[in-house]
Amino acid sequence: MNLLLLNILLAVAWMMLTGEVSSGTFTAGLLVGYLLLWLTRPAWGETRYFSKLLPVIRFVLYFLKELLVANLKVAYDIVTPKDHMVPGIVAVPLDVKSDIEITLFANLVTLTPGTLSLDVSPDRRTLYVHALYVKDAGQFRRELKNGLEKRLIEVMR
């Protein structure tokens, strides 16, 4: 059985045992479930599940920081009289390969305010992104590749 699924089932069981359905209880259940799975790790054999915790935490914190910065940037542009937008469409070459990696990357780009994934090339090697602030297409491309895509690859592989 997939350990992530088992961890989620343990978190749901934790919510049932405590009698409280909330995000805090679910998170506590995930932590307790992770601890139980970690303590019984010899029974699961070789798995990467336990070594992925730090990359996942780094990825989530990075994405939340990018989300906050993008929100502040767009909000600042809205409330100030001068328009700072330099919109453009940028072709971003992809290092992510599988369908799930491409889908996650495109969706995370779209979730960030000021950017929108438009299309993936037929050969699945390029993602076309519309962005509100593209002063330098090369710099924008590097920021996406060295930031979000790099961290997504660390988590997924």
N, C-alpha and C. Protein backbone atom coordinates (compact mmCIF):
# COMPACT_ATOMS: atom_id res chain seq x y z
N MET A 1 0.84 -1.18 0.00
CA MET A 1 0.00 0.00 0.00
C MET A 1 0.88 1.24 0.00
N ASN A 2 0.44 2.25 -0.68
CA ASN A 2 1.14 3.52 -0.73
C ASN A 2 1.16 4.13 0.67
N LEU A 3 2.33 4.50 1.16
CA LEU A 3 2.45 5.03 2.51
C LEU A 3 1.78 6.38 2.68
N LEU A 4 1.75 7.19 1.63
CA LEU A 4 1.05 8.47 1.73
C LEU A 4 -0.45 8.24 1.95
N LEU A 5 -1.02 7.32 1.20
CA LEU A 5 -2.43 7.00 1.36
C LEU A 5 -2.70 6.44 2.76
N LEU A 6 -1.82 5.58 3.22
CA LEU A 6 -1.96 5.02 4.56
C LEU A 6 -1.86 6.13 5.61
N ASN A 7 -0.97 7.07 5.42
CA ASN A 7 -0.83 8.19 6.35
C ASN A 7 -2.11 9.03 6.36
N ILE A 8 -2.70 9.26 5.21
CA ILE A 8 -3.96 10.02 5.14
C ILE A 8 -5.08 9.24 5.84
N LEU A 9 -5.13 7.93 5.62
CA LEU A 9 -6.15 7.12 6.30
C LEU A 9 -5.96 7.15 7.82
N LEU A 10 -4.72 7.14 8.28
CA LEU A 10 -4.46 7.25 9.71
C LEU A 10 -4.90 8.62 10.24
N ALA A 11 -4.73 9.66 9.45
CA ALA A 11 -5.17 11.00 9.86
C ALA A 11 -6.69 11.05 9.96
N VAL A 12 -7.39 10.42 9.03
CA VAL A 12 -8.85 10.36 9.08
C VAL A 12 -9.29 9.56 10.31
N ALA A 13 -8.61 8.47 10.57
CA ALA A 13 -8.92 7.68 11.76
C ALA A 13 -8.70 8.50 13.03
N TRP A 14 -7.64 9.31 13.02
CA TRP A 14 -7.36 10.18 14.16
C TRP A 14 -8.51 11.18 14.38
N MET A 15 -9.01 11.74 13.28
CA MET A 15 -10.14 12.67 13.40
C MET A 15 -11.37 11.96 13.96
N MET A 16 -11.60 10.73 13.54
CA MET A 16 -12.75 9.97 14.05
C MET A 16 -12.59 9.67 15.54
N LEU A 17 -11.36 9.31 15.93
CA LEU A 17 -11.12 9.00 17.34
C LEU A 17 -11.27 10.22 18.24
N THR A 18 -10.84 11.37 17.76
CA THR A 18 -10.95 12.58 18.58
C THR A 18 -12.35 13.18 18.51
N GLY A 19 -13.12 12.84 17.48
CA GLY A 19 -14.47 13.36 17.35
C GLY A 19 -14.53 14.79 16.85
N GLU A 20 -13.45 15.28 16.30
CA GLU A 20 -13.41 16.65 15.79
C GLU A 20 -12.90 16.64 14.36
N VAL A 21 -13.68 17.23 13.47
CA VAL A 21 -13.29 17.32 12.07
C VAL A 21 -12.86 18.75 11.79
N SER A 22 -11.55 18.93 11.69
CA SER A 22 -10.99 20.25 11.39
C SER A 22 -9.63 20.07 10.73
N SER A 23 -9.15 21.13 10.15
CA SER A 23 -7.84 21.04 9.50
C SER A 23 -6.74 20.82 10.52
N GLY A 24 -6.88 21.40 11.70
CA GLY A 24 -5.88 21.20 12.76
C GLY A 24 -5.82 19.76 13.23
N THR A 25 -6.99 19.14 13.40
CA THR A 25 -7.04 17.74 13.81
C THR A 25 -6.48 16.84 12.72
N PHE A 26 -6.79 17.18 11.46
CA PHE A 26 -6.26 16.39 10.35
C PHE A 26 -4.74 16.49 10.30
N THR A 27 -4.21 17.70 10.49
CA THR A 27 -2.76 17.90 10.49
C THR A 27 -2.12 17.13 11.64
N ALA A 28 -2.74 17.19 12.80
CA ALA A 28 -2.22 16.43 13.94
C ALA A 28 -2.25 14.94 13.63
N GLY A 29 -3.32 14.47 12.97
CA GLY A 29 -3.41 13.08 12.58
C GLY A 29 -2.34 12.68 11.58
N LEU A 30 -2.04 13.60 10.65
CA LEU A 30 -0.96 13.33 9.71
C LEU A 30 0.38 13.17 10.44
N LEU A 31 0.62 14.04 11.41
CA LEU A 31 1.88 13.96 12.16
C LEU A 31 1.95 12.68 12.99
N VAL A 32 0.86 12.34 13.66
CA VAL A 32 0.84 11.10 14.45
C VAL A 32 0.99 9.89 13.53
N GLY A 33 0.28 9.90 12.40
CA GLY A 33 0.39 8.81 11.43
C GLY A 33 1.79 8.67 10.88
N TYR A 34 2.43 9.81 10.57
CA TYR A 34 3.80 9.78 10.07
C TYR A 34 4.73 9.17 11.12
N LEU A 35 4.54 9.57 12.36
CA LEU A 35 5.37 9.04 13.44
C LEU A 35 5.18 7.52 13.57
N LEU A 36 3.93 7.07 13.52
CA LEU A 36 3.67 5.63 13.60
C LEU A 36 4.30 4.88 12.43
N LEU A 37 4.17 5.43 11.24
CA LEU A 37 4.77 4.78 10.07
C LEU A 37 6.29 4.78 10.17
N TRP A 38 6.85 5.86 10.70
CA TRP A 38 8.31 5.94 10.84
C TRP A 38 8.80 4.90 11.85
N LEU A 39 8.06 4.74 12.95
CA LEU A 39 8.44 3.77 13.96
C LEU A 39 8.36 2.33 13.44
N THR A 40 7.47 2.09 12.49
CA THR A 40 7.31 0.74 11.93
C THR A 40 7.97 0.62 10.56
N ARG A 41 8.91 1.49 10.25
CA ARG A 41 9.52 1.51 8.91
C ARG A 41 10.22 0.22 8.51
N PRO A 42 10.78 -0.58 9.44
CA PRO A 42 11.37 -1.85 8.98
C PRO A 42 10.35 -2.76 8.31
N ALA A 43 9.09 -2.65 8.70
CA ALA A 43 8.06 -3.50 8.10
C ALA A 43 7.73 -3.09 6.67
N TRP A 44 8.06 -1.86 6.29
CA TRP A 44 7.70 -1.36 4.95
C TRP A 44 8.80 -1.60 3.93
N GLY A 45 9.97 -2.01 4.35
CA GLY A 45 11.06 -2.24 3.40
C GLY A 45 11.64 -0.92 2.90
N GLU A 46 12.32 -0.99 1.79
CA GLU A 46 12.94 0.19 1.21
C GLU A 46 11.87 1.12 0.64
N THR A 47 11.85 2.36 1.10
CA THR A 47 10.90 3.36 0.61
C THR A 47 11.51 4.74 0.72
N ARG A 48 11.13 5.61 -0.20
CA ARG A 48 11.63 6.99 -0.18
C ARG A 48 10.70 7.91 0.60
N TYR A 49 9.61 7.36 1.10
CA TYR A 49 8.58 8.17 1.75
C TYR A 49 9.15 8.99 2.90
N PHE A 50 10.02 8.42 3.69
CA PHE A 50 10.53 9.12 4.86
C PHE A 50 11.63 10.11 4.52
N SER A 51 12.31 9.93 3.41
CA SER A 51 13.36 10.87 3.02
C SER A 51 12.80 12.08 2.28
N LYS A 52 11.53 12.07 1.92
CA LYS A 52 10.93 13.16 1.17
C LYS A 52 10.32 14.25 2.04
N LEU A 53 10.32 14.07 3.36
CA LEU A 53 9.68 15.03 4.24
C LEU A 53 10.30 16.42 4.14
N LEU A 54 11.62 16.51 4.24
CA LEU A 54 12.28 17.83 4.18
C LEU A 54 12.10 18.51 2.82
N PRO A 55 12.28 17.80 1.69
CA PRO A 55 12.02 18.46 0.41
C PRO A 55 10.56 18.95 0.27
N VAL A 56 9.61 18.20 0.79
CA VAL A 56 8.21 18.63 0.72
C VAL A 56 8.00 19.89 1.56
N ILE A 57 8.57 19.92 2.75
CA ILE A 57 8.44 21.11 3.61
C ILE A 57 9.08 22.31 2.95
N ARG A 58 10.28 22.12 2.38
CA ARG A 58 10.95 23.23 1.68
C ARG A 58 10.12 23.72 0.50
N PHE A 59 9.53 22.77 -0.24
CA PHE A 59 8.71 23.12 -1.40
C PHE A 59 7.48 23.93 -0.97
N VAL A 60 6.79 23.47 0.06
CA VAL A 60 5.59 24.17 0.52
C VAL A 60 5.94 25.56 1.02
N LEU A 61 7.00 25.69 1.80
CA LEU A 61 7.41 27.01 2.30
C LEU A 61 7.81 27.93 1.16
N TYR A 62 8.54 27.40 0.18
CA TYR A 62 8.94 28.21 -0.98
C TYR A 62 7.71 28.69 -1.75
N PHE A 63 6.76 27.78 -2.00
CA PHE A 63 5.57 28.17 -2.75
C PHE A 63 4.74 29.19 -1.99
N LEU A 64 4.61 29.03 -0.67
CA LEU A 64 3.86 30.00 0.12
C LEU A 64 4.53 31.37 0.09
N LYS A 65 5.87 31.39 0.12
CA LYS A 65 6.60 32.67 0.02
C LYS A 65 6.36 33.32 -1.34
N GLU A 66 6.45 32.52 -2.41
CA GLU A 66 6.21 33.05 -3.76
C GLU A 66 4.78 33.55 -3.91
N LEU A 67 3.84 32.83 -3.31
CA LEU A 67 2.44 33.21 -3.36
C LEU A 67 2.22 34.55 -2.65
N LEU A 68 2.83 34.72 -1.49
CA LEU A 68 2.72 35.97 -0.74
C LEU A 68 3.33 37.13 -1.51
N VAL A 69 4.54 36.93 -2.03
CA VAL A 69 5.22 37.99 -2.77
C VAL A 69 4.42 38.39 -4.01
N ALA A 70 3.90 37.41 -4.75
CA ALA A 70 3.12 37.70 -5.96
C ALA A 70 1.83 38.44 -5.60
N ASN A 71 1.17 38.04 -4.51
CA ASN A 71 -0.04 38.74 -4.08
C ASN A 71 0.26 40.18 -3.72
N LEU A 72 1.33 40.41 -3.00
CA LEU A 72 1.70 41.77 -2.62
C LEU A 72 2.05 42.62 -3.84
N LYS A 73 2.74 42.03 -4.79
CA LYS A 73 3.12 42.74 -6.01
C LYS A 73 1.89 43.17 -6.80
N VAL A 74 0.95 42.25 -6.98
CA VAL A 74 -0.27 42.58 -7.74
C VAL A 74 -1.11 43.58 -6.96
N ALA A 75 -1.24 43.40 -5.64
CA ALA A 75 -2.02 44.33 -4.83
C ALA A 75 -1.42 45.73 -4.87
N TYR A 76 -0.10 45.83 -4.77
CA TYR A 76 0.57 47.12 -4.85
C TYR A 76 0.28 47.79 -6.18
N ASP A 77 0.34 47.02 -7.26
CA ASP A 77 0.09 47.58 -8.59
C ASP A 77 -1.35 48.06 -8.73
N ILE A 78 -2.26 47.40 -8.05
CA ILE A 78 -3.67 47.79 -8.13
C ILE A 78 -3.93 49.09 -7.38
N VAL A 79 -3.34 49.25 -6.19
CA VAL A 79 -3.65 50.42 -5.36
C VAL A 79 -2.83 51.65 -5.71
N THR A 80 -1.78 51.51 -6.50
CA THR A 80 -1.00 52.69 -6.88
C THR A 80 -1.50 53.23 -8.22
N PRO A 81 -1.41 54.53 -8.40
CA PRO A 81 -1.92 55.11 -9.66
C PRO A 81 -1.10 54.74 -10.89
N LYS A 82 0.21 54.53 -10.73
CA LYS A 82 1.05 54.19 -11.88
C LYS A 82 0.95 52.69 -12.17
N ASP A 83 0.86 52.36 -13.43
CA ASP A 83 0.78 50.97 -13.87
C ASP A 83 2.19 50.43 -14.05
N HIS A 84 2.54 49.39 -13.28
CA HIS A 84 3.88 48.79 -13.35
C HIS A 84 3.93 47.53 -14.20
N MET A 85 2.80 47.14 -14.75
CA MET A 85 2.73 45.89 -15.50
C MET A 85 3.47 45.97 -16.83
N VAL A 86 4.19 44.89 -17.13
CA VAL A 86 4.83 44.69 -18.42
C VAL A 86 4.45 43.27 -18.84
N PRO A 87 3.21 43.10 -19.35
CA PRO A 87 2.75 41.74 -19.65
C PRO A 87 3.49 41.13 -20.84
N GLY A 88 3.55 39.80 -20.80
CA GLY A 88 4.19 39.10 -21.90
C GLY A 88 3.94 37.61 -21.81
N ILE A 89 4.19 36.94 -22.92
CA ILE A 89 4.08 35.48 -22.97
C ILE A 89 5.49 34.94 -23.13
N VAL A 90 5.85 34.01 -22.24
CA VAL A 90 7.21 33.47 -22.21
C VAL A 90 7.15 31.96 -22.42
N ALA A 91 8.01 31.47 -23.30
CA ALA A 91 8.14 30.02 -23.51
C ALA A 91 9.18 29.51 -22.52
N VAL A 92 8.75 28.60 -21.64
CA VAL A 92 9.62 28.05 -20.61
C VAL A 92 9.94 26.60 -20.96
N PRO A 93 11.21 26.29 -21.27
CA PRO A 93 11.57 24.88 -21.55
C PRO A 93 11.41 24.06 -20.27
N LEU A 94 10.88 22.87 -20.41
CA LEU A 94 10.56 22.05 -19.25
C LEU A 94 11.60 20.98 -18.98
N ASP A 95 11.97 20.86 -17.71
CA ASP A 95 12.79 19.75 -17.25
C ASP A 95 11.91 18.66 -16.65
N VAL A 96 10.69 19.04 -16.25
CA VAL A 96 9.75 18.04 -15.75
C VAL A 96 9.32 17.19 -16.94
N LYS A 97 9.14 15.89 -16.73
CA LYS A 97 8.91 14.98 -17.86
C LYS A 97 7.54 14.30 -17.83
N SER A 98 7.15 13.78 -16.68
CA SER A 98 5.92 12.98 -16.62
C SER A 98 4.69 13.89 -16.69
N ASP A 99 3.56 13.28 -17.00
CA ASP A 99 2.31 14.04 -17.09
C ASP A 99 1.97 14.71 -15.76
N ILE A 100 2.16 13.99 -14.66
CA ILE A 100 1.82 14.55 -13.35
C ILE A 100 2.74 15.72 -13.01
N GLU A 101 4.03 15.62 -13.34
CA GLU A 101 4.95 16.72 -13.07
C GLU A 101 4.60 17.95 -13.90
N ILE A 102 4.29 17.75 -15.17
CA ILE A 102 3.93 18.87 -16.04
C ILE A 102 2.64 19.52 -15.55
N THR A 103 1.66 18.69 -15.20
CA THR A 103 0.38 19.21 -14.72
C THR A 103 0.55 19.99 -13.42
N LEU A 104 1.31 19.44 -12.48
CA LEU A 104 1.54 20.15 -11.21
C LEU A 104 2.26 21.46 -11.44
N PHE A 105 3.29 21.45 -12.26
CA PHE A 105 4.05 22.66 -12.52
C PHE A 105 3.16 23.73 -13.16
N ALA A 106 2.40 23.35 -14.18
CA ALA A 106 1.52 24.30 -14.85
C ALA A 106 0.46 24.85 -13.90
N ASN A 107 -0.10 23.99 -13.05
CA ASN A 107 -1.12 24.45 -12.12
C ASN A 107 -0.54 25.35 -11.03
N LEU A 108 0.66 25.04 -10.56
CA LEU A 108 1.29 25.90 -9.55
C LEU A 108 1.64 27.26 -10.12
N VAL A 109 2.06 27.29 -11.38
CA VAL A 109 2.32 28.58 -12.04
C VAL A 109 1.02 29.38 -12.12
N THR A 110 -0.08 28.72 -12.49
CA THR A 110 -1.36 29.40 -12.62
C THR A 110 -1.88 29.87 -11.26
N LEU A 111 -1.62 29.13 -10.20
CA LEU A 111 -2.08 29.52 -8.87
C LEU A 111 -1.38 30.78 -8.36
N THR A 112 -0.21 31.08 -8.87
CA THR A 112 0.52 32.25 -8.45
C THR A 112 -0.06 33.48 -9.13
N PRO A 113 -0.51 34.47 -8.37
CA PRO A 113 -1.08 35.68 -8.99
C PRO A 113 -0.10 36.35 -9.94
N GLY A 114 -0.63 36.77 -11.08
CA GLY A 114 0.19 37.45 -12.07
C GLY A 114 0.74 36.53 -13.14
N THR A 115 0.53 35.23 -13.01
CA THR A 115 1.00 34.29 -14.03
C THR A 115 -0.13 33.33 -14.39
N LEU A 116 -0.10 32.88 -15.63
CA LEU A 116 -1.11 31.95 -16.12
C LEU A 116 -0.47 31.01 -17.13
N SER A 117 -0.60 29.72 -16.90
CA SER A 117 -0.12 28.73 -17.87
C SER A 117 -1.10 28.70 -19.03
N LEU A 118 -0.58 28.88 -20.24
CA LEU A 118 -1.45 28.92 -21.41
C LEU A 118 -1.54 27.58 -22.13
N ASP A 119 -0.39 26.96 -22.37
CA ASP A 119 -0.38 25.74 -23.17
C ASP A 119 0.95 25.03 -23.00
N VAL A 120 0.93 23.75 -23.29
CA VAL A 120 2.14 22.95 -23.34
C VAL A 120 2.33 22.56 -24.80
N SER A 121 3.56 22.65 -25.28
CA SER A 121 3.83 22.30 -26.67
C SER A 121 3.49 20.83 -26.93
N PRO A 122 3.19 20.48 -28.18
CA PRO A 122 2.85 19.08 -28.50
C PRO A 122 3.93 18.08 -28.10
N ASP A 123 5.19 18.49 -28.14
CA ASP A 123 6.26 17.57 -27.74
C ASP A 123 6.49 17.56 -26.22
N ARG A 124 5.72 18.32 -25.47
CA ARG A 124 5.74 18.39 -24.00
C ARG A 124 7.09 18.87 -23.46
N ARG A 125 7.77 19.70 -24.21
CA ARG A 125 9.06 20.22 -23.76
C ARG A 125 9.03 21.70 -23.42
N THR A 126 7.90 22.38 -23.72
CA THR A 126 7.80 23.82 -23.50
C THR A 126 6.44 24.16 -22.91
N LEU A 127 6.46 25.02 -21.88
CA LEU A 127 5.24 25.54 -21.29
C LEU A 127 5.18 27.02 -21.64
N TYR A 128 4.04 27.46 -22.15
CA TYR A 128 3.84 28.86 -22.47
C TYR A 128 3.11 29.52 -21.32
N VAL A 129 3.72 30.58 -20.78
CA VAL A 129 3.21 31.25 -19.58
C VAL A 129 2.96 32.72 -19.90
N HIS A 130 1.77 33.20 -19.54
CA HIS A 130 1.48 34.63 -19.61
C HIS A 130 1.76 35.20 -18.23
N ALA A 131 2.53 36.27 -18.19
CA ALA A 131 2.87 36.90 -16.91
C ALA A 131 2.62 38.40 -17.01
N LEU A 132 2.25 39.00 -15.88
CA LEU A 132 2.00 40.44 -15.86
C LEU A 132 3.27 41.27 -15.74
N TYR A 133 4.34 40.67 -15.23
CA TYR A 133 5.57 41.43 -14.99
C TYR A 133 6.75 40.73 -15.66
N VAL A 134 6.95 41.01 -16.93
CA VAL A 134 8.05 40.39 -17.69
C VAL A 134 8.94 41.51 -18.24
N LYS A 135 9.84 41.99 -17.41
CA LYS A 135 10.79 43.00 -17.89
C LYS A 135 11.89 42.34 -18.70
N ASP A 136 12.27 41.11 -18.29
CA ASP A 136 13.30 40.36 -18.97
C ASP A 136 12.83 38.90 -19.05
N ALA A 137 12.55 38.43 -20.25
CA ALA A 137 12.02 37.07 -20.42
C ALA A 137 13.00 36.02 -19.92
N GLY A 138 14.29 36.23 -20.14
CA GLY A 138 15.30 35.28 -19.68
C GLY A 138 15.33 35.18 -18.16
N GLN A 139 15.26 36.32 -17.50
CA GLN A 139 15.25 36.34 -16.04
C GLN A 139 13.99 35.67 -15.50
N PHE A 140 12.84 35.94 -16.11
CA PHE A 140 11.58 35.31 -15.70
C PHE A 140 11.68 33.79 -15.85
N ARG A 141 12.22 33.36 -16.97
CA ARG A 141 12.39 31.93 -17.25
C ARG A 141 13.30 31.28 -16.21
N ARG A 142 14.42 31.95 -15.89
CA ARG A 142 15.36 31.42 -14.90
C ARG A 142 14.72 31.32 -13.51
N GLU A 143 13.92 32.33 -13.15
CA GLU A 143 13.26 32.32 -11.84
C GLU A 143 12.31 31.13 -11.73
N LEU A 144 11.55 30.85 -12.79
CA LEU A 144 10.63 29.70 -12.75
C LEU A 144 11.39 28.39 -12.69
N LYS A 145 12.43 28.27 -13.52
CA LYS A 145 13.17 27.00 -13.61
C LYS A 145 13.99 26.74 -12.34
N ASN A 146 14.68 27.76 -11.83
CA ASN A 146 15.54 27.58 -10.65
C ASN A 146 14.75 27.60 -9.34
N GLY A 147 13.52 28.04 -9.40
CA GLY A 147 12.70 28.10 -8.20
C GLY A 147 11.70 26.97 -8.15
N LEU A 148 10.56 27.21 -8.74
CA LEU A 148 9.43 26.28 -8.63
C LEU A 148 9.71 24.93 -9.28
N GLU A 149 10.22 24.94 -10.51
CA GLU A 149 10.44 23.67 -11.21
C GLU A 149 11.50 22.81 -10.51
N LYS A 150 12.59 23.43 -10.11
CA LYS A 150 13.67 22.69 -9.44
C LYS A 150 13.17 22.04 -8.16
N ARG A 151 12.40 22.77 -7.37
CA ARG A 151 11.90 22.22 -6.10
C ARG A 151 10.83 21.15 -6.34
N LEU A 152 10.04 21.32 -7.39
CA LEU A 152 9.04 20.31 -7.73
C LEU A 152 9.72 18.99 -8.13
N ILE A 153 10.80 19.10 -8.88
CA ILE A 153 11.55 17.90 -9.29
C ILE A 153 12.15 17.21 -8.06
N GLU A 154 12.66 17.99 -7.08
CA GLU A 154 13.20 17.40 -5.86
C GLU A 154 12.14 16.58 -5.13
N VAL A 155 10.91 17.06 -5.13
CA VAL A 155 9.83 16.37 -4.42
C VAL A 155 9.35 15.16 -5.20
N MET A 156 9.24 15.29 -6.51
CA MET A 156 8.62 14.25 -7.31
C MET A 156 9.55 13.09 -7.66
N ARG A 157 10.84 13.30 -7.67
CA ARG A 157 11.76 12.21 -8.09
C ARG A 157 12.55 11.66 -6.94
